[in-house]
Amino acid sequence: MKARFACWWEATRPFTLAPPAIGMVSGGLSALGANPSLSADGRFWTSVGIGALMAAALNAASNVLNQIHDLALDRVNKPERPIPSGRLSVGEAYGLAVACYAIALVLAFIPRPSGFPETGVIALVTTVLTWVYSAPPVRARNSWWLGPLVIAVPRGLLLKVAGWSCIAPVGSDREPWILGAVFFVYVIGAAPVKDFADLEGDRRGGASSLPIRFGPKRAADIVAAFLLLPGLLLAVLPRIVVDGRPLLGVSATGSAIAGLVIFLHGARVGAMMRRDPDALVAGGGTDAWRHMYLLMMELQIAAAGLYFLHHL
C-alpha cells in the first residue's frame, strides 16, 4: 500500500501543488489588508487554511486528469510518469482524479466568514475549466491561444479571487478582480513555457502549441513580452484612482519597489529564453520553468506583503 500511495502522490505532481495553496493564502491576506474591519484571528487562518488545501487538491485533480488525456503525448514527452510507464492504470488514475475533485469541492463549500458560497462557485467553475483544458471534446491544451487562456483564468484570475472570497465577498468588490487580472496576465505568458519541452510529442499528437505555431524563436519573444507586464501592472495600478479609490489599495511606493524587482526578474528570464530558444526544446526548459514558478511565488508574496502591511 505504501508503494501505491507513493505512485498516487507522484501522479499529482506534488511540486506544482504549493503555488495554488500559497495563492489562496496570499488572496486571503490581500483581503485582510483591504478590509480594516477584519482581523487575523483563528477563524481567519482556519478559513484560509481550508482554502489552501482546497486549491492544492483541485490542482492535484487537474494534474491527474491532464496526464490521463495526455497519455499518448507523454509516451513521447515524459515516458517516466506513472501512467505511461505502466505503474498506474488509467482506471486507477480516474479514481484518483475523482477523489481529489471530491475533496476539493467539499472543502470549497465549507461555510466561510463572509457568509457567501463564492469560494465553492469558483471551485466549480475551475473544475469545469480543467476538464475543458484536458479532455475532449474541447481539449483546449491543443490550441496555442485557447490553452494558455483556459489555464490563466483559474490559475491566475480566479485563484486570487478565491483566496479573497475565503474571508470577504468578491461579487460586489472590483479590487480582488483587478488584483487577479495581474496574475491572469502573468499566467497567460508563463503557461506556454512548458510547451517548448513538449514540442516533439505535441507535434506528433496534432497539438498546435505556441512554439509549434510560431516556432521556438518567435514563441520565446512572445513569452518574454508577457513576463514584463505583471511587474509594470503591480507598480502602476495603485497610482490609478477611479471613483475616489485606487485600483489597488496598497502603498504606491511599496508596490513600485516590488513591481520593479518582479519586472527585472521577468526581463532576465525573458532574455534567457530569447538568447537560446532552441535550448528550451533540447534541454527540456527546466531552468525557464523553474523561474516561472519563482516569479509566480514572488508575485504572490508581494501581493500578500503589500496588503498585510497596509492592514497594520
C-alpha atoms as a PDB file:
ATOM      1  CA  MET A   1       0.000   0.000   0.000  1.00  0.00           C
ATOM      2  CA  LYS A   2       2.868   2.349   0.734  1.00  0.00           C
ATOM      3  CA  ALA A   3       4.155   1.873  -2.815  1.00  0.00           C
ATOM      4  CA  ARG A   4       0.701   2.611  -4.288  1.00  0.00           C
ATOM      5  CA  PHE A   5       0.381   5.767  -2.229  1.00  0.00           C
ATOM      6  CA  ALA A   6       3.798   6.893  -3.446  1.00  0.00           C
ATOM      7  CA  CYS A   7       2.665   6.314  -7.027  1.00  0.00           C
ATOM      8  CA  TRP A   8      -0.564   8.273  -6.472  1.00  0.00           C
ATOM      9  CA  TRP A   9       1.403  11.086  -4.856  1.00  0.00           C
ATOM     10  CA  GLU A  10       3.795  11.204  -7.817  1.00  0.00           C
ATOM     11  CA  ALA A  11       0.858  11.372 -10.240  1.00  0.00           C
ATOM     12  CA  THR A  12      -0.470  14.502  -8.518  1.00  0.00           C
ATOM     13  CA  ARG A  13       2.843  16.232  -9.395  1.00  0.00           C
ATOM     14  CA  PRO A  14       3.361  17.449  -5.818  1.00  0.00           C
ATOM     15  CA  PHE A  15       5.895  20.141  -6.713  1.00  0.00           C
ATOM     16  CA  THR A  16       3.078  22.019  -8.500  1.00  0.00           C
ATOM     17  CA  LEU A  17       0.711  21.997  -5.520  1.00  0.00           C
ATOM     18  CA  ALA A  18       2.423  24.681  -3.428  1.00  0.00           C
ATOM     19  CA  PRO A  19       1.772  27.685  -5.748  1.00  0.00           C
ATOM     20  CA  PRO A  20      -2.052  27.403  -5.709  1.00  0.00           C
ATOM     21  CA  ALA A  21      -2.048  26.819  -1.948  1.00  0.00           C
ATOM     22  CA  ILE A  22       0.171  29.866  -1.419  1.00  0.00           C
ATOM     23  CA  GLY A  23      -2.021  31.787  -3.865  1.00  0.00           C
ATOM     24  CA  MET A  24      -5.049  31.164  -1.649  1.00  0.00           C
ATOM     25  CA  VAL A  25      -3.177  32.352   1.444  1.00  0.00           C
ATOM     26  CA  SER A  26      -1.955  35.385  -0.487  1.00  0.00           C
ATOM     27  CA  GLY A  27      -5.523  36.145  -1.580  1.00  0.00           C
ATOM     28  CA  GLY A  28      -6.763  35.879   1.993  1.00  0.00           C
ATOM     29  CA  LEU A  29      -4.040  38.193   3.288  1.00  0.00           C
ATOM     30  CA  SER A  30      -4.834  40.633   0.486  1.00  0.00           C
ATOM     31  CA  ALA A  31      -8.488  40.694   1.541  1.00  0.00           C
ATOM     32  CA  LEU A  32      -7.394  41.238   5.131  1.00  0.00           C
ATOM     33  CA  GLY A  33      -5.388  44.302   4.121  1.00  0.00           C
ATOM     34  CA  ALA A  34      -8.217  45.696   2.036  1.00  0.00           C
ATOM     35  CA  ASN A  35     -10.864  45.311   4.767  1.00  0.00           C
ATOM     36  CA  PRO A  36      -9.979  47.165   8.009  1.00  0.00           C
ATOM     37  CA  SER A  37     -12.854  45.507   9.864  1.00  0.00           C
ATOM     38  CA  LEU A  38     -11.276  42.060   9.518  1.00  0.00           C
ATOM     39  CA  SER A  39      -8.702  40.610  11.880  1.00  0.00           C
ATOM     40  CA  ALA A  40      -6.145  37.819  11.569  1.00  0.00           C
ATOM     41  CA  ASP A  41      -7.812  35.665  14.223  1.00  0.00           C
ATOM     42  CA  GLY A  42      -8.228  31.914  14.430  1.00  0.00           C
ATOM     43  CA  ARG A  43     -11.311  31.932  12.223  1.00  0.00           C
ATOM     44  CA  PHE A  44      -9.389  33.801   9.534  1.00  0.00           C
ATOM     45  CA  TRP A  45      -6.484  31.337   9.488  1.00  0.00           C
ATOM     46  CA  THR A  46      -8.818  28.335   9.585  1.00  0.00           C
ATOM     47  CA  SER A  47     -10.764  29.588   6.586  1.00  0.00           C
ATOM     48  CA  VAL A  48      -7.635  30.453   4.607  1.00  0.00           C
ATOM     49  CA  GLY A  49      -6.005  27.135   5.540  1.00  0.00           C
ATOM     50  CA  ILE A  50      -9.033  25.196   4.296  1.00  0.00           C
ATOM     51  CA  GLY A  51      -8.908  27.246   1.112  1.00  0.00           C
ATOM     52  CA  ALA A  52      -5.239  26.399   0.615  1.00  0.00           C
ATOM     53  CA  LEU A  53      -5.950  22.672   0.992  1.00  0.00           C
ATOM     54  CA  MET A  54      -8.851  23.000  -1.440  1.00  0.00           C
ATOM     55  CA  ALA A  55      -6.660  24.677  -4.069  1.00  0.00           C
ATOM     56  CA  ALA A  56      -3.956  22.031  -3.714  1.00  0.00           C
ATOM     57  CA  ALA A  57      -6.498  19.195  -4.039  1.00  0.00           C
ATOM     58  CA  LEU A  58      -8.108  20.816  -7.077  1.00  0.00           C
ATOM     59  CA  ASN A  59      -4.737  21.285  -8.735  1.00  0.00           C
ATOM     60  CA  ALA A  60      -3.847  17.648  -7.991  1.00  0.00           C
ATOM     61  CA  ALA A  61      -7.092  16.509  -9.640  1.00  0.00           C
ATOM     62  CA  SER A  62      -6.362  18.674 -12.678  1.00  0.00           C
ATOM     63  CA  ASN A  63      -2.837  17.280 -12.949  1.00  0.00           C
ATOM     64  CA  VAL A  64      -4.022  13.671 -12.899  1.00  0.00           C
ATOM     65  CA  LEU A  65      -6.819  14.372 -15.406  1.00  0.00           C
ATOM     66  CA  ASN A  66      -4.325  16.052 -17.712  1.00  0.00           C
ATOM     67  CA  GLN A  67      -1.993  13.051 -17.600  1.00  0.00           C
ATOM     68  CA  ILE A  68      -4.868  10.672 -18.415  1.00  0.00           C
ATOM     69  CA  HIS A  69      -5.734  12.569 -21.576  1.00  0.00           C
ATOM     70  CA  ASP A  70      -2.093  13.298 -22.432  1.00  0.00           C
ATOM     71  CA  LEU A  71      -1.127   9.619 -22.295  1.00  0.00           C
ATOM     72  CA  ALA A  72      -0.214   9.364 -25.985  1.00  0.00           C
ATOM     73  CA  LEU A  73       1.869  12.542 -25.785  1.00  0.00           C
ATOM     74  CA  ASP A  74       3.548  11.577 -22.504  1.00  0.00           C
ATOM     75  CA  ARG A  75       4.714   8.305 -24.030  1.00  0.00           C
ATOM     76  CA  VAL A  76       6.968  10.562 -26.128  1.00  0.00           C
ATOM     77  CA  ASN A  77       7.495  13.584 -23.867  1.00  0.00           C
ATOM     78  CA  LYS A  78       7.520  12.072 -20.356  1.00  0.00           C
ATOM     79  CA  PRO A  79       7.588   8.254 -20.514  1.00  0.00           C
ATOM     80  CA  GLU A  80       8.779   8.029 -16.896  1.00  0.00           C
ATOM     81  CA  ARG A  81       5.485   9.324 -15.482  1.00  0.00           C
ATOM     82  CA  PRO A  82       3.266   6.813 -13.622  1.00  0.00           C
ATOM     83  CA  ILE A  83       0.656   6.271 -16.361  1.00  0.00           C
ATOM     84  CA  PRO A  84       2.860   5.919 -19.486  1.00  0.00           C
ATOM     85  CA  SER A  85       5.349   3.847 -17.507  1.00  0.00           C
ATOM     86  CA  GLY A  86       2.574   1.395 -16.605  1.00  0.00           C
ATOM     87  CA  ARG A  87       2.870   1.896 -12.857  1.00  0.00           C
ATOM     88  CA  LEU A  88      -0.611   3.454 -12.703  1.00  0.00           C
ATOM     89  CA  SER A  89      -3.559   2.285 -14.795  1.00  0.00           C
ATOM     90  CA  VAL A  90      -5.897   4.729 -16.499  1.00  0.00           C
ATOM     91  CA  GLY A  91      -8.796   3.429 -14.392  1.00  0.00           C
ATOM     92  CA  GLU A  92      -6.877   3.943 -11.172  1.00  0.00           C
ATOM     93  CA  ALA A  93      -5.875   7.418 -12.322  1.00  0.00           C
ATOM     94  CA  TYR A  94      -9.520   8.314 -12.990  1.00  0.00           C
ATOM     95  CA  GLY A  95     -10.385   7.176  -9.470  1.00  0.00           C
ATOM     96  CA  LEU A  96      -7.601   9.332  -8.050  1.00  0.00           C
ATOM     97  CA  ALA A  97      -8.756  12.375 -10.033  1.00  0.00           C
ATOM     98  CA  VAL A  98     -12.383  11.952  -8.917  1.00  0.00           C
ATOM     99  CA  ALA A  99     -11.294  11.583  -5.280  1.00  0.00           C
ATOM    100  CA  CYS A 100      -9.205  14.774  -5.464  1.00  0.00           C
ATOM    101  CA  TYR A 101     -12.051  16.695  -7.126  1.00  0.00           C
ATOM    102  CA  ALA A 102     -14.485  15.492  -4.446  1.00  0.00           C
ATOM    103  CA  ILE A 103     -12.153  16.537  -1.614  1.00  0.00           C
ATOM    104  CA  ALA A 104     -11.630  19.943  -3.208  1.00  0.00           C
ATOM    105  CA  LEU A 105     -15.347  20.636  -3.686  1.00  0.00           C
ATOM    106  CA  VAL A 106     -16.255  19.545  -0.171  1.00  0.00           C
ATOM    107  CA  LEU A 107     -13.604  21.885   1.225  1.00  0.00           C
ATOM    108  CA  ALA A 108     -14.712  24.681  -1.122  1.00  0.00           C
ATOM    109  CA  PHE A 109     -18.303  24.665   0.145  1.00  0.00           C
ATOM    110  CA  ILE A 110     -17.448  24.746   3.848  1.00  0.00           C
ATOM    111  CA  PRO A 111     -19.111  27.960   5.158  1.00  0.00           C
ATOM    112  CA  ARG A 112     -16.798  30.962   5.179  1.00  0.00           C
ATOM    113  CA  PRO A 113     -16.757  34.066   7.445  1.00  0.00           C
ATOM    114  CA  SER A 114     -18.082  36.109   4.522  1.00  0.00           C
ATOM    115  CA  GLY A 115     -21.304  34.082   4.593  1.00  0.00           C
ATOM    116  CA  PHE A 116     -21.269  33.670   0.800  1.00  0.00           C
ATOM    117  CA  PRO A 117     -20.609  30.405  -1.117  1.00  0.00           C
ATOM    118  CA  GLU A 118     -18.412  32.234  -3.618  1.00  0.00           C
ATOM    119  CA  THR A 119     -15.381  30.008  -2.959  1.00  0.00           C
ATOM    120  CA  GLY A 120     -17.465  26.970  -3.868  1.00  0.00           C
ATOM    121  CA  VAL A 121     -18.804  28.579  -7.028  1.00  0.00           C
ATOM    122  CA  ILE A 122     -15.269  29.476  -8.115  1.00  0.00           C
ATOM    123  CA  ALA A 123     -14.128  25.900  -7.423  1.00  0.00           C
ATOM    124  CA  LEU A 124     -16.975  24.544  -9.573  1.00  0.00           C
ATOM    125  CA  VAL A 125     -16.056  26.871 -12.442  1.00  0.00           C
ATOM    126  CA  THR A 126     -12.424  25.841 -12.098  1.00  0.00           C
ATOM    127  CA  THR A 127     -13.380  22.157 -12.185  1.00  0.00           C
ATOM    128  CA  VAL A 128     -15.192  22.689 -15.487  1.00  0.00           C
ATOM    129  CA  LEU A 129     -12.233  24.617 -16.921  1.00  0.00           C
ATOM    130  CA  THR A 130      -9.784  21.848 -16.018  1.00  0.00           C
ATOM    131  CA  TRP A 131     -11.955  19.434 -18.000  1.00  0.00           C
ATOM    132  CA  VAL A 132     -12.162  21.890 -20.919  1.00  0.00           C
ATOM    133  CA  TYR A 133      -8.378  22.169 -20.896  1.00  0.00           C
ATOM    134  CA  SER A 134      -7.509  18.464 -20.852  1.00  0.00           C
ATOM    135  CA  ALA A 135     -10.420  16.395 -22.133  1.00  0.00           C
ATOM    136  CA  PRO A 136     -12.439  16.053 -25.336  1.00  0.00           C
ATOM    137  CA  PRO A 137     -14.385  17.477 -26.999  1.00  0.00           C
ATOM    138  CA  VAL A 138     -12.708  20.870 -26.480  1.00  0.00           C
ATOM    139  CA  ARG A 139      -9.219  19.804 -25.309  1.00  0.00           C
ATOM    140  CA  ALA A 140      -8.012  23.400 -25.168  1.00  0.00           C
ATOM    141  CA  ARG A 141      -4.429  22.327 -24.407  1.00  0.00           C
ATOM    142  CA  ASN A 142      -4.034  21.576 -28.153  1.00  0.00           C
ATOM    143  CA  SER A 143      -4.618  25.227 -29.068  1.00  0.00           C
ATOM    144  CA  TRP A 144      -1.787  27.778 -28.918  1.00  0.00           C
ATOM    145  CA  TRP A 145      -4.157  30.548 -27.724  1.00  0.00           C
ATOM    146  CA  LEU A 146      -7.070  28.773 -26.018  1.00  0.00           C
ATOM    147  CA  GLY A 147      -4.826  26.577 -23.872  1.00  0.00           C
ATOM    148  CA  PRO A 148      -3.000  29.432 -22.097  1.00  0.00           C
ATOM    149  CA  LEU A 149      -6.292  31.325 -21.766  1.00  0.00           C
ATOM    150  CA  VAL A 150      -8.064  28.402 -20.077  1.00  0.00           C
ATOM    151  CA  ILE A 151      -5.094  27.947 -17.717  1.00  0.00           C
ATOM    152  CA  ALA A 152      -4.849  31.664 -16.895  1.00  0.00           C
ATOM    153  CA  VAL A 153      -8.487  32.059 -15.827  1.00  0.00           C
ATOM    154  CA  PRO A 154      -8.455  29.547 -12.930  1.00  0.00           C
ATOM    155  CA  ARG A 155      -4.752  29.626 -12.031  1.00  0.00           C
ATOM    156  CA  GLY A 156      -4.327  33.370 -12.421  1.00  0.00           C
ATOM    157  CA  LEU A 157      -7.537  35.385 -12.132  1.00  0.00           C
ATOM    158  CA  LEU A 158      -9.789  33.062 -10.111  1.00  0.00           C
ATOM    159  CA  LEU A 159      -7.116  31.758  -7.751  1.00  0.00           C
ATOM    160  CA  LYS A 160      -6.546  35.203  -6.284  1.00  0.00           C
ATOM    161  CA  VAL A 161     -10.277  35.934  -6.185  1.00  0.00           C
ATOM    162  CA  ALA A 162     -10.952  32.566  -4.491  1.00  0.00           C
ATOM    163  CA  GLY A 163      -8.413  33.320  -1.776  1.00  0.00           C
ATOM    164  CA  TRP A 164     -10.054  36.698  -1.204  1.00  0.00           C
ATOM    165  CA  SER A 165     -13.503  35.069  -1.094  1.00  0.00           C
ATOM    166  CA  CYS A 166     -12.446  32.871   1.838  1.00  0.00           C
ATOM    167  CA  ILE A 167     -12.932  35.825   4.166  1.00  0.00           C
ATOM    168  CA  ALA A 168     -14.672  38.625   2.233  1.00  0.00           C
ATOM    169  CA  PRO A 169     -17.312  38.906  -0.524  1.00  0.00           C
ATOM    170  CA  VAL A 170     -15.965  39.342  -4.058  1.00  0.00           C
ATOM    171  CA  GLY A 171     -19.123  39.739  -6.131  1.00  0.00           C
ATOM    172  CA  SER A 172     -19.529  43.441  -5.331  1.00  0.00           C
ATOM    173  CA  ASP A 173     -15.853  44.385  -4.976  1.00  0.00           C
ATOM    174  CA  ARG A 174     -13.725  45.250  -8.008  1.00  0.00           C
ATOM    175  CA  GLU A 175     -10.386  45.062  -6.190  1.00  0.00           C
ATOM    176  CA  PRO A 176      -9.909  41.260  -5.999  1.00  0.00           C
ATOM    177  CA  TRP A 177     -10.691  41.027  -9.717  1.00  0.00           C
ATOM    178  CA  ILE A 178      -8.184  43.732 -10.595  1.00  0.00           C
ATOM    179  CA  LEU A 179      -5.548  42.034  -8.467  1.00  0.00           C
ATOM    180  CA  GLY A 180      -6.440  38.712 -10.077  1.00  0.00           C
ATOM    181  CA  ALA A 181      -6.018  40.308 -13.513  1.00  0.00           C
ATOM    182  CA  VAL A 182      -2.329  40.924 -12.738  1.00  0.00           C
ATOM    183  CA  PHE A 183      -1.887  37.194 -12.163  1.00  0.00           C
ATOM    184  CA  PHE A 184      -4.026  36.388 -15.208  1.00  0.00           C
ATOM    185  CA  VAL A 185      -1.657  38.349 -17.442  1.00  0.00           C
ATOM    186  CA  TYR A 186       1.333  36.597 -15.925  1.00  0.00           C
ATOM    187  CA  VAL A 187      -0.063  33.061 -16.330  1.00  0.00           C
ATOM    188  CA  ILE A 188      -1.092  33.690 -19.951  1.00  0.00           C
ATOM    189  CA  GLY A 189       2.564  34.405 -20.728  1.00  0.00           C
ATOM    190  CA  ALA A 190       4.099  31.783 -18.456  1.00  0.00           C
ATOM    191  CA  ALA A 191       1.880  28.802 -19.352  1.00  0.00           C
ATOM    192  CA  PRO A 192       3.401  28.148 -22.818  1.00  0.00           C
ATOM    193  CA  VAL A 193       6.908  27.703 -21.363  1.00  0.00           C
ATOM    194  CA  LYS A 194       6.221  24.019 -20.695  1.00  0.00           C
ATOM    195  CA  ASP A 195       5.270  23.578 -24.360  1.00  0.00           C
ATOM    196  CA  PHE A 196       8.850  24.052 -25.528  1.00  0.00           C
ATOM    197  CA  ALA A 197       9.966  20.820 -23.870  1.00  0.00           C
ATOM    198  CA  ASP A 198       6.849  19.008 -25.139  1.00  0.00           C
ATOM    199  CA  LEU A 199       7.212  20.184 -28.735  1.00  0.00           C
ATOM    200  CA  GLU A 200       8.002  16.829 -30.343  1.00  0.00           C
ATOM    201  CA  GLY A 201       5.257  14.877 -28.606  1.00  0.00           C
ATOM    202  CA  ASP A 202       2.732  17.677 -29.151  1.00  0.00           C
ATOM    203  CA  ARG A 203       3.548  17.803 -32.852  1.00  0.00           C
ATOM    204  CA  ARG A 204       3.054  14.047 -33.208  1.00  0.00           C
ATOM    205  CA  GLY A 205      -0.213  14.298 -31.295  1.00  0.00           C
ATOM    206  CA  GLY A 206      -1.614  17.035 -33.524  1.00  0.00           C
ATOM    207  CA  ALA A 207      -1.405  19.853 -30.970  1.00  0.00           C
ATOM    208  CA  SER A 208      -0.706  23.420 -32.056  1.00  0.00           C
ATOM    209  CA  SER A 209       1.147  24.919 -29.089  1.00  0.00           C
ATOM    210  CA  LEU A 210       2.780  28.349 -29.179  1.00  0.00           C
ATOM    211  CA  PRO A 211       6.269  27.074 -30.185  1.00  0.00           C
ATOM    212  CA  ILE A 212       4.716  24.806 -32.850  1.00  0.00           C
ATOM    213  CA  ARG A 213       2.502  27.572 -34.247  1.00  0.00           C
ATOM    214  CA  PHE A 214       5.167  30.300 -34.321  1.00  0.00           C
ATOM    215  CA  GLY A 215       8.465  28.433 -33.932  1.00  0.00           C
ATOM    216  CA  PRO A 216      10.667  28.465 -30.796  1.00  0.00           C
ATOM    217  CA  LYS A 217      12.266  31.850 -31.512  1.00  0.00           C
ATOM    218  CA  ARG A 218       9.096  33.868 -32.048  1.00  0.00           C
ATOM    219  CA  ALA A 219       7.313  32.000 -29.246  1.00  0.00           C
ATOM    220  CA  ALA A 220      10.150  32.950 -26.869  1.00  0.00           C
ATOM    221  CA  ASP A 221       9.747  36.603 -27.933  1.00  0.00           C
ATOM    222  CA  ILE A 222       6.017  36.481 -27.168  1.00  0.00           C
ATOM    223  CA  VAL A 223       6.518  34.885 -23.745  1.00  0.00           C
ATOM    224  CA  ALA A 224       9.312  37.361 -22.902  1.00  0.00           C
ATOM    225  CA  ALA A 225       6.999  40.310 -23.596  1.00  0.00           C
ATOM    226  CA  PHE A 226       4.311  38.955 -21.248  1.00  0.00           C
ATOM    227  CA  LEU A 227       6.834  38.434 -18.447  1.00  0.00           C
ATOM    228  CA  LEU A 228       7.393  42.197 -18.267  1.00  0.00           C
ATOM    229  CA  LEU A 229       3.740  43.065 -17.684  1.00  0.00           C
ATOM    230  CA  PRO A 230       2.986  41.849 -14.116  1.00  0.00           C
ATOM    231  CA  GLY A 231       5.726  43.969 -12.538  1.00  0.00           C
ATOM    232  CA  LEU A 232       4.574  47.001 -14.501  1.00  0.00           C
ATOM    233  CA  LEU A 233       0.942  46.466 -13.521  1.00  0.00           C
ATOM    234  CA  LEU A 234       1.818  45.997  -9.858  1.00  0.00           C
ATOM    235  CA  ALA A 235       3.755  49.265  -9.903  1.00  0.00           C
ATOM    236  CA  VAL A 236       1.146  51.303 -11.808  1.00  0.00           C
ATOM    237  CA  LEU A 237      -2.309  50.151 -10.638  1.00  0.00           C
ATOM    238  CA  PRO A 238      -2.083  51.580  -7.076  1.00  0.00           C
ATOM    239  CA  ARG A 239      -1.487  55.006  -8.633  1.00  0.00           C
ATOM    240  CA  ILE A 240      -4.638  54.942 -10.771  1.00  0.00           C
ATOM    241  CA  VAL A 241      -7.660  56.353  -8.919  1.00  0.00           C
ATOM    242  CA  VAL A 242     -11.202  55.598 -10.106  1.00  0.00           C
ATOM    243  CA  ASP A 243     -14.291  56.826  -8.226  1.00  0.00           C
ATOM    244  CA  GLY A 244     -12.083  58.149  -5.445  1.00  0.00           C
ATOM    245  CA  ARG A 245     -10.330  54.801  -4.859  1.00  0.00           C
ATOM    246  CA  PRO A 246      -7.032  53.466  -6.216  1.00  0.00           C
ATOM    247  CA  LEU A 247      -7.440  50.328  -8.303  1.00  0.00           C
ATOM    248  CA  LEU A 248      -5.220  48.522  -5.792  1.00  0.00           C
ATOM    249  CA  GLY A 249      -5.392  49.836  -2.232  1.00  0.00           C
ATOM    250  CA  VAL A 250      -1.756  49.374  -1.236  1.00  0.00           C
ATOM    251  CA  SER A 251       1.269  51.629  -0.772  1.00  0.00           C
ATOM    252  CA  ALA A 252       2.210  53.164  -4.110  1.00  0.00           C
ATOM    253  CA  THR A 253       5.869  53.295  -3.057  1.00  0.00           C
ATOM    254  CA  GLY A 254       5.936  49.713  -1.834  1.00  0.00           C
ATOM    255  CA  SER A 255       4.206  48.431  -4.954  1.00  0.00           C
ATOM    256  CA  ALA A 256       6.624  50.372  -7.159  1.00  0.00           C
ATOM    257  CA  ILE A 257       9.600  48.708  -5.448  1.00  0.00           C
ATOM    258  CA  ALA A 258       8.033  45.234  -5.611  1.00  0.00           C
ATOM    259  CA  GLY A 259       6.959  45.799  -9.202  1.00  0.00           C
ATOM    260  CA  LEU A 260      10.472  46.839 -10.208  1.00  0.00           C
ATOM    261  CA  VAL A 261      12.011  43.709  -8.662  1.00  0.00           C
ATOM    262  CA  ILE A 262       9.490  41.463 -10.443  1.00  0.00           C
ATOM    263  CA  PHE A 263       9.915  43.392 -13.703  1.00  0.00           C
ATOM    264  CA  LEU A 264      13.700  42.926 -13.609  1.00  0.00           C
ATOM    265  CA  HIS A 265      13.368  39.217 -12.837  1.00  0.00           C
ATOM    266  CA  GLY A 266      10.880  38.817 -15.684  1.00  0.00           C
ATOM    267  CA  ALA A 267      13.205  40.710 -18.039  1.00  0.00           C
ATOM    268  CA  ARG A 268      16.097  38.435 -17.050  1.00  0.00           C
ATOM    269  CA  VAL A 269      14.088  35.268 -17.701  1.00  0.00           C
ATOM    270  CA  GLY A 270      12.795  36.645 -20.988  1.00  0.00           C
ATOM    271  CA  ALA A 271      16.328  37.483 -22.108  1.00  0.00           C
ATOM    272  CA  MET A 272      17.462  33.964 -21.199  1.00  0.00           C
ATOM    273  CA  MET A 273      14.669  32.463 -23.290  1.00  0.00           C
ATOM    274  CA  ARG A 274      15.259  34.727 -26.273  1.00  0.00           C
ATOM    275  CA  ARG A 275      19.015  34.158 -26.218  1.00  0.00           C
ATOM    276  CA  ASP A 276      18.704  30.443 -26.974  1.00  0.00           C
ATOM    277  CA  PRO A 277      15.102  29.325 -27.583  1.00  0.00           C
ATOM    278  CA  ASP A 278      16.228  26.057 -29.176  1.00  0.00           C
ATOM    279  CA  ALA A 279      17.843  25.073 -25.863  1.00  0.00           C
ATOM    280  CA  LEU A 280      14.377  25.240 -24.275  1.00  0.00           C
ATOM    281  CA  VAL A 281      13.348  22.444 -26.625  1.00  0.00           C
ATOM    282  CA  ALA A 282      16.511  20.365 -26.487  1.00  0.00           C
ATOM    283  CA  GLY A 283      17.134  20.825 -22.758  1.00  0.00           C
ATOM    284  CA  GLY A 284      13.569  20.447 -21.573  1.00  0.00           C
ATOM    285  CA  GLY A 285      13.205  24.085 -20.464  1.00  0.00           C
ATOM    286  CA  THR A 286      13.874  23.171 -16.829  1.00  0.00           C
ATOM    287  CA  ASP A 287      15.562  26.457 -15.867  1.00  0.00           C
ATOM    288  CA  ALA A 288      12.898  28.596 -17.530  1.00  0.00           C
ATOM    289  CA  TRP A 289      10.072  26.582 -15.928  1.00  0.00           C
ATOM    290  CA  ARG A 290      11.700  26.916 -12.508  1.00  0.00           C
ATOM    291  CA  HIS A 291      11.874  30.678 -12.976  1.00  0.00           C
ATOM    292  CA  MET A 292       8.164  30.720 -13.928  1.00  0.00           C
ATOM    293  CA  TYR A 293       7.343  29.254 -10.536  1.00  0.00           C
ATOM    294  CA  LEU A 294       9.739  31.633  -8.780  1.00  0.00           C
ATOM    295  CA  LEU A 295       8.134  34.634 -10.480  1.00  0.00           C
ATOM    296  CA  MET A 296       4.679  33.415  -9.510  1.00  0.00           C
ATOM    297  CA  MET A 297       5.794  32.981  -5.906  1.00  0.00           C
ATOM    298  CA  GLU A 298       7.311  36.476  -5.928  1.00  0.00           C
ATOM    299  CA  LEU A 299       4.015  37.914  -7.168  1.00  0.00           C
ATOM    300  CA  GLN A 300       2.060  36.030  -4.513  1.00  0.00           C
ATOM    301  CA  ILE A 301       4.391  37.119  -1.706  1.00  0.00           C
ATOM    302  CA  ALA A 302       4.459  40.709  -2.967  1.00  0.00           C
ATOM    303  CA  ALA A 303       0.651  40.931  -3.054  1.00  0.00           C
ATOM    304  CA  ALA A 304       0.282  39.383   0.391  1.00  0.00           C
ATOM    305  CA  GLY A 305       3.036  41.533   1.877  1.00  0.00           C
ATOM    306  CA  LEU A 306       1.776  44.805   0.414  1.00  0.00           C
ATOM    307  CA  TYR A 307      -1.784  44.250   1.614  1.00  0.00           C
ATOM    308  CA  PHE A 308      -0.792  42.860   5.006  1.00  0.00           C
ATOM    309  CA  LEU A 309       1.483  45.852   5.664  1.00  0.00           C
ATOM    310  CA  HIS A 310      -1.400  48.084   4.607  1.00  0.00           C
ATOM    311  CA  HIS A 311      -3.528  46.351   7.254  1.00  0.00           C
ATOM    312  CA  LEU A 312      -1.072  47.099  10.092  1.00  0.00           C
END
